[in-house]
Amino acid sequence: MKPYEYLLVEADAPIAVMTMNRPDRRNALSLALMEELIDCFRALSEKQDIRAIILAANGPAFQRDMI
């Protein structure tokens, strides 16, 4: 999977975790982040071994440690 500027991806079948990585902006959806999310969702949907995707974020908003 290609690297992203604002998105961290961990795919460990059957689950993938997409972590938004713009903590300085409280993970607000910029056009660039939205394009990365769309691209990553498409790429992960093509993987037969991925059954679920968790969307998380770094920083004080929408924290991953709440999962």
C-alpha atoms as a PDB file:
ATOM      1  CA  MET A   1       0.000   0.000   0.000  1.00  0.00           C
ATOM      2  CA  LYS A   2       1.358   3.421  -0.879  1.00  0.00           C
ATOM      3  CA  PRO A   3       2.373   5.886   1.846  1.00  0.00           C
ATOM      4  CA  TYR A   4       0.018   8.729   2.705  1.00  0.00           C
ATOM      5  CA  GLU A   5       0.792  12.188   4.040  1.00  0.00           C
ATOM      6  CA  TYR A   6      -2.118  12.492   6.501  1.00  0.00           C
ATOM      7  CA  LEU A   7      -3.135   8.880   6.998  1.00  0.00           C
ATOM      8  CA  LEU A   8      -1.475   5.951   8.771  1.00  0.00           C
ATOM      9  CA  VAL A   9      -2.600   2.468   7.745  1.00  0.00           C
ATOM     10  CA  GLU A  10      -2.153  -0.857   9.532  1.00  0.00           C
ATOM     11  CA  ALA A  11      -3.610  -3.898   7.782  1.00  0.00           C
ATOM     12  CA  ASP A  12      -3.485  -7.088   9.814  1.00  0.00           C
ATOM     13  CA  ALA A  13      -6.125  -9.401   8.375  1.00  0.00           C
ATOM     14  CA  PRO A  14      -8.985  -9.509   8.942  1.00  0.00           C
ATOM     15  CA  ILE A  15      -8.895  -5.933  10.324  1.00  0.00           C
ATOM     16  CA  ALA A  16      -7.365  -2.721   8.977  1.00  0.00           C
ATOM     17  CA  VAL A  17      -6.942   0.459  11.007  1.00  0.00           C
ATOM     18  CA  MET A  18      -6.837   3.817   9.221  1.00  0.00           C
ATOM     19  CA  THR A  19      -5.560   6.571  11.522  1.00  0.00           C
ATOM     20  CA  MET A  20      -6.025  10.196  10.529  1.00  0.00           C
ATOM     21  CA  ASN A  21      -2.793  11.995  11.377  1.00  0.00           C
ATOM     22  CA  ARG A  22      -3.460  15.741  11.536  1.00  0.00           C
ATOM     23  CA  PRO A  23      -3.459  16.312  15.322  1.00  0.00           C
ATOM     24  CA  ASP A  24      -2.425  19.954  14.922  1.00  0.00           C
ATOM     25  CA  ARG A  25      -5.728  20.514  13.071  1.00  0.00           C
ATOM     26  CA  ARG A  26      -7.723  18.192  15.340  1.00  0.00           C
ATOM     27  CA  ASN A  27      -7.989  15.859  12.325  1.00  0.00           C
ATOM     28  CA  ALA A  28     -10.264  18.203  10.392  1.00  0.00           C
ATOM     29  CA  LEU A  29     -11.122  16.864   6.950  1.00  0.00           C
ATOM     30  CA  SER A  30      -9.094  18.770   4.390  1.00  0.00           C
ATOM     31  CA  LEU A  31      -9.416  18.026   0.686  1.00  0.00           C
ATOM     32  CA  ALA A  32      -6.074  16.198   0.794  1.00  0.00           C
ATOM     33  CA  LEU A  33      -7.129  14.029   3.754  1.00  0.00           C
ATOM     34  CA  MET A  34     -10.485  13.224   2.151  1.00  0.00           C
ATOM     35  CA  GLU A  35      -8.731  12.152  -1.061  1.00  0.00           C
ATOM     36  CA  GLU A  36      -6.387   9.917   0.946  1.00  0.00           C
ATOM     37  CA  LEU A  37      -9.322   8.382   2.841  1.00  0.00           C
ATOM     38  CA  ILE A  38     -11.179   7.630  -0.397  1.00  0.00           C
ATOM     39  CA  ASP A  39      -8.068   6.129  -1.992  1.00  0.00           C
ATOM     40  CA  CYS A  40      -7.318   3.989   1.047  1.00  0.00           C
ATOM     41  CA  PHE A  41     -10.918   2.754   1.417  1.00  0.00           C
ATOM     42  CA  ARG A  42     -10.831   1.724  -2.255  1.00  0.00           C
ATOM     43  CA  ALA A  43      -7.476  -0.036  -1.884  1.00  0.00           C
ATOM     44  CA  LEU A  44      -8.555  -1.892   1.259  1.00  0.00           C
ATOM     45  CA  SER A  45     -11.893  -2.901  -0.284  1.00  0.00           C
ATOM     46  CA  GLU A  46      -9.970  -4.783  -2.977  1.00  0.00           C
ATOM     47  CA  LYS A  47      -8.177  -6.935  -0.399  1.00  0.00           C
ATOM     48  CA  GLN A  48     -10.052 -10.208   0.084  1.00  0.00           C
ATOM     49  CA  ASP A  49      -8.582 -10.798   3.560  1.00  0.00           C
ATOM     50  CA  ILE A  50      -9.738  -7.465   5.058  1.00  0.00           C
ATOM     51  CA  ARG A  51     -13.201  -7.829   6.608  1.00  0.00           C
ATOM     52  CA  ALA A  52     -13.406  -4.644   8.733  1.00  0.00           C
ATOM     53  CA  ILE A  53     -11.888  -1.167   8.752  1.00  0.00           C
ATOM     54  CA  ILE A  54     -11.539   0.935  11.892  1.00  0.00           C
ATOM     55  CA  LEU A  55     -11.232   4.694  11.402  1.00  0.00           C
ATOM     56  CA  ALA A  56      -9.268   6.388  14.186  1.00  0.00           C
ATOM     57  CA  ALA A  57      -7.242   9.570  14.718  1.00  0.00           C
ATOM     58  CA  ASN A  58      -4.104  10.823  16.454  1.00  0.00           C
ATOM     59  CA  GLY A  59      -4.250  13.717  18.886  1.00  0.00           C
ATOM     60  CA  PRO A  60      -6.894  15.072  21.253  1.00  0.00           C
ATOM     61  CA  ALA A  61      -9.879  14.731  18.910  1.00  0.00           C
ATOM     62  CA  PHE A  62     -11.380  11.349  17.900  1.00  0.00           C
ATOM     63  CA  GLN A  63      -8.708   9.429  19.783  1.00  0.00           C
ATOM     64  CA  ARG A  64      -7.688   5.891  18.921  1.00  0.00           C
ATOM     65  CA  ASP A  65      -7.222   4.881  22.554  1.00  0.00           C
ATOM     66  CA  MET A  66     -10.986   5.132  23.013  1.00  0.00           C
ATOM     67  CA  ILE A  67     -11.456   1.980  20.904  1.00  0.00           C
END
